[in-house]
Amino acid sequence: MRRTVDARGFSCPQPVLMTLEEIKKVDKGEIVILVDTDTSKENVSRAATSKGWQVKEIQQEGEGYRIIIAKH
């Protein structure tokens, strides 16, 4: 099941905290994180990687980004 974290409109560290909160809820699978700044994109990607998740894809989406992380 794919989960989504909509962190648009929040400034760091909020998107990172929201992502880590979602990671705690699931052992594996895919999570889509929506952010709207470069800083959030970098920080969320780094935080996910540090928890053993892989950044599968980062897509530019309008003013922001769609980050897809996965762990199997």
N, C-alpha and C. Protein backbone atom coordinates (compact mmCIF):
# COMPACT_ATOMS: atom_id res chain seq x y z
N MET A 1 0.85 -1.19 0.00
CA MET A 1 0.00 0.00 0.00
C MET A 1 0.88 1.24 0.00
N ARG A 2 0.55 2.18 -0.82
CA ARG A 2 1.33 3.41 -0.91
C ARG A 2 0.70 4.48 -0.01
N ARG A 3 1.53 5.06 0.83
CA ARG A 3 1.07 6.10 1.73
C ARG A 3 1.56 7.45 1.21
N THR A 4 0.87 8.52 1.58
CA THR A 4 1.25 9.86 1.13
C THR A 4 1.38 10.80 2.31
N VAL A 5 2.45 11.58 2.30
CA VAL A 5 2.65 12.63 3.29
C VAL A 5 2.62 13.95 2.53
N ASP A 6 1.65 14.79 2.82
CA ASP A 6 1.56 16.09 2.15
C ASP A 6 2.17 17.13 3.07
N ALA A 7 3.43 17.48 2.80
CA ALA A 7 4.15 18.44 3.65
C ALA A 7 4.28 19.80 2.95
N ARG A 8 3.47 20.02 1.92
CA ARG A 8 3.51 21.32 1.23
C ARG A 8 3.02 22.40 2.17
N GLY A 9 3.69 23.55 2.12
CA GLY A 9 3.28 24.66 2.97
C GLY A 9 3.97 24.67 4.32
N PHE A 10 4.71 23.62 4.64
CA PHE A 10 5.44 23.56 5.91
C PHE A 10 6.91 23.85 5.65
N SER A 11 7.55 24.55 6.61
CA SER A 11 8.98 24.78 6.47
C SER A 11 9.72 23.79 7.35
N CYS A 12 10.98 23.54 7.00
CA CYS A 12 11.78 22.58 7.76
C CYS A 12 11.91 23.06 9.21
N PRO A 13 11.91 22.13 10.15
CA PRO A 13 12.06 20.69 9.97
C PRO A 13 10.74 19.93 9.85
N GLN A 14 9.60 20.62 9.73
CA GLN A 14 8.30 19.95 9.74
C GLN A 14 8.16 18.84 8.70
N PRO A 15 8.52 19.06 7.42
CA PRO A 15 8.40 17.96 6.44
C PRO A 15 9.22 16.73 6.82
N VAL A 16 10.41 16.94 7.39
CA VAL A 16 11.25 15.82 7.82
C VAL A 16 10.56 15.08 8.96
N LEU A 17 10.05 15.80 9.93
CA LEU A 17 9.37 15.18 11.08
C LEU A 17 8.14 14.40 10.62
N MET A 18 7.38 14.96 9.69
CA MET A 18 6.19 14.28 9.17
C MET A 18 6.59 12.99 8.44
N THR A 19 7.68 13.04 7.69
CA THR A 19 8.16 11.86 6.97
C THR A 19 8.62 10.79 7.95
N LEU A 20 9.40 11.18 8.95
CA LEU A 20 9.90 10.22 9.94
C LEU A 20 8.75 9.60 10.72
N GLU A 21 7.72 10.37 11.00
CA GLU A 21 6.53 9.87 11.69
C GLU A 21 5.86 8.77 10.86
N GLU A 22 5.76 9.00 9.55
CA GLU A 22 5.13 8.02 8.66
C GLU A 22 6.01 6.77 8.54
N ILE A 23 7.34 6.95 8.48
CA ILE A 23 8.28 5.82 8.41
C ILE A 23 8.12 4.93 9.64
N LYS A 24 7.89 5.54 10.80
CA LYS A 24 7.71 4.77 12.04
C LYS A 24 6.49 3.85 11.97
N LYS A 25 5.48 4.24 11.20
CA LYS A 25 4.22 3.50 11.14
C LYS A 25 4.32 2.25 10.26
N VAL A 26 5.27 2.24 9.32
CA VAL A 26 5.36 1.12 8.38
C VAL A 26 6.78 0.57 8.33
N ASP A 27 6.92 -0.75 8.17
CA ASP A 27 8.26 -1.35 8.09
C ASP A 27 8.81 -1.26 6.68
N LYS A 28 7.90 -1.35 5.71
CA LYS A 28 8.33 -1.40 4.32
C LYS A 28 7.20 -0.92 3.42
N GLY A 29 7.52 -0.81 2.13
CA GLY A 29 6.54 -0.34 1.17
C GLY A 29 7.00 0.93 0.51
N GLU A 30 6.06 1.73 0.05
CA GLU A 30 6.38 3.00 -0.59
C GLU A 30 5.65 4.13 0.11
N ILE A 31 6.34 5.25 0.20
CA ILE A 31 5.73 6.46 0.75
C ILE A 31 6.01 7.58 -0.25
N VAL A 32 4.97 8.35 -0.55
CA VAL A 32 5.10 9.52 -1.41
C VAL A 32 5.08 10.74 -0.49
N ILE A 33 6.08 11.60 -0.63
CA ILE A 33 6.14 12.82 0.17
C ILE A 33 6.06 14.01 -0.77
N LEU A 34 5.13 14.90 -0.51
CA LEU A 34 4.97 16.11 -1.31
C LEU A 34 5.55 17.29 -0.54
N VAL A 35 6.50 17.99 -1.16
CA VAL A 35 7.13 19.16 -0.52
C VAL A 35 7.17 20.29 -1.54
N ASP A 36 7.41 21.51 -1.05
CA ASP A 36 7.41 22.62 -1.99
C ASP A 36 8.67 23.48 -1.96
N THR A 37 9.74 22.98 -1.35
CA THR A 37 11.01 23.73 -1.41
C THR A 37 12.18 22.77 -1.67
N ASP A 38 13.25 23.33 -2.23
CA ASP A 38 14.46 22.54 -2.47
C ASP A 38 15.04 22.04 -1.15
N THR A 39 15.00 22.90 -0.13
CA THR A 39 15.55 22.53 1.18
C THR A 39 14.80 21.32 1.74
N SER A 40 13.49 21.36 1.67
CA SER A 40 12.68 20.23 2.17
C SER A 40 12.99 18.97 1.37
N LYS A 41 13.12 19.12 0.05
CA LYS A 41 13.43 17.97 -0.81
C LYS A 41 14.73 17.31 -0.36
N GLU A 42 15.76 18.12 -0.16
CA GLU A 42 17.07 17.59 0.25
C GLU A 42 17.00 16.96 1.64
N ASN A 43 16.38 17.65 2.59
CA ASN A 43 16.34 17.18 3.97
C ASN A 43 15.51 15.91 4.13
N VAL A 44 14.37 15.85 3.44
CA VAL A 44 13.52 14.65 3.50
C VAL A 44 14.25 13.46 2.88
N SER A 45 14.91 13.68 1.74
CA SER A 45 15.65 12.60 1.08
C SER A 45 16.75 12.08 1.99
N ARG A 46 17.48 12.98 2.62
CA ARG A 46 18.58 12.59 3.51
C ARG A 46 18.06 11.84 4.73
N ALA A 47 16.96 12.32 5.31
CA ALA A 47 16.38 11.67 6.49
C ALA A 47 15.89 10.26 6.15
N ALA A 48 15.24 10.11 5.01
CA ALA A 48 14.73 8.79 4.60
C ALA A 48 15.88 7.82 4.39
N THR A 49 16.93 8.28 3.72
CA THR A 49 18.10 7.43 3.47
C THR A 49 18.75 7.01 4.79
N SER A 50 18.80 7.92 5.75
CA SER A 50 19.44 7.61 7.04
C SER A 50 18.65 6.55 7.81
N LYS A 51 17.36 6.40 7.48
CA LYS A 51 16.53 5.39 8.14
C LYS A 51 16.47 4.08 7.34
N GLY A 52 17.29 3.99 6.29
CA GLY A 52 17.34 2.75 5.52
C GLY A 52 16.37 2.69 4.35
N TRP A 53 15.73 3.79 4.04
CA TRP A 53 14.80 3.84 2.91
C TRP A 53 15.56 4.33 1.68
N GLN A 54 15.11 3.91 0.52
CA GLN A 54 15.74 4.29 -0.74
C GLN A 54 14.89 5.35 -1.42
N VAL A 55 15.53 6.41 -1.91
CA VAL A 55 14.81 7.43 -2.68
C VAL A 55 14.71 6.89 -4.10
N LYS A 56 13.49 6.49 -4.49
CA LYS A 56 13.29 5.89 -5.80
C LYS A 56 13.16 6.93 -6.90
N GLU A 57 12.52 8.04 -6.56
CA GLU A 57 12.21 9.01 -7.60
C GLU A 57 11.93 10.37 -6.98
N ILE A 58 12.38 11.41 -7.67
CA ILE A 58 12.01 12.78 -7.30
C ILE A 58 11.50 13.44 -8.57
N GLN A 59 10.24 13.85 -8.53
CA GLN A 59 9.63 14.47 -9.71
C GLN A 59 9.29 15.91 -9.37
N GLN A 60 9.59 16.81 -10.30
CA GLN A 60 9.14 18.19 -10.14
C GLN A 60 7.64 18.19 -10.40
N GLU A 61 6.91 18.85 -9.53
CA GLU A 61 5.45 18.87 -9.68
C GLU A 61 4.96 20.27 -9.35
N GLY A 62 4.66 21.03 -10.40
CA GLY A 62 4.23 22.40 -10.19
C GLY A 62 5.33 23.19 -9.50
N GLU A 63 4.99 23.78 -8.37
CA GLU A 63 5.96 24.57 -7.59
C GLU A 63 6.82 23.70 -6.70
N GLY A 64 6.46 22.44 -6.55
CA GLY A 64 7.17 21.61 -5.58
C GLY A 64 7.67 20.30 -6.16
N TYR A 65 7.78 19.32 -5.27
CA TYR A 65 8.35 18.03 -5.64
C TYR A 65 7.53 16.88 -5.06
N ARG A 66 7.55 15.76 -5.79
CA ARG A 66 6.97 14.51 -5.33
C ARG A 66 8.16 13.57 -5.14
N ILE A 67 8.38 13.15 -3.90
CA ILE A 67 9.48 12.26 -3.57
C ILE A 67 8.88 10.89 -3.26
N ILE A 68 9.40 9.87 -3.92
CA ILE A 68 8.93 8.52 -3.67
C ILE A 68 10.07 7.75 -3.01
N ILE A 69 9.81 7.27 -1.79
CA ILE A 69 10.80 6.47 -1.07
C ILE A 69 10.25 5.06 -0.90
N ALA A 70 11.16 4.11 -0.83
CA ALA A 70 10.71 2.71 -0.72
C ALA A 70 11.67 1.92 0.16
N LYS A 71 11.09 0.88 0.78
CA LYS A 71 11.88 -0.08 1.54
C LYS A 71 11.19 -1.42 1.38
N HIS A 72 11.98 -2.45 1.04
CA HIS A 72 11.40 -3.77 0.79
C HIS A 72 11.90 -4.80 1.75
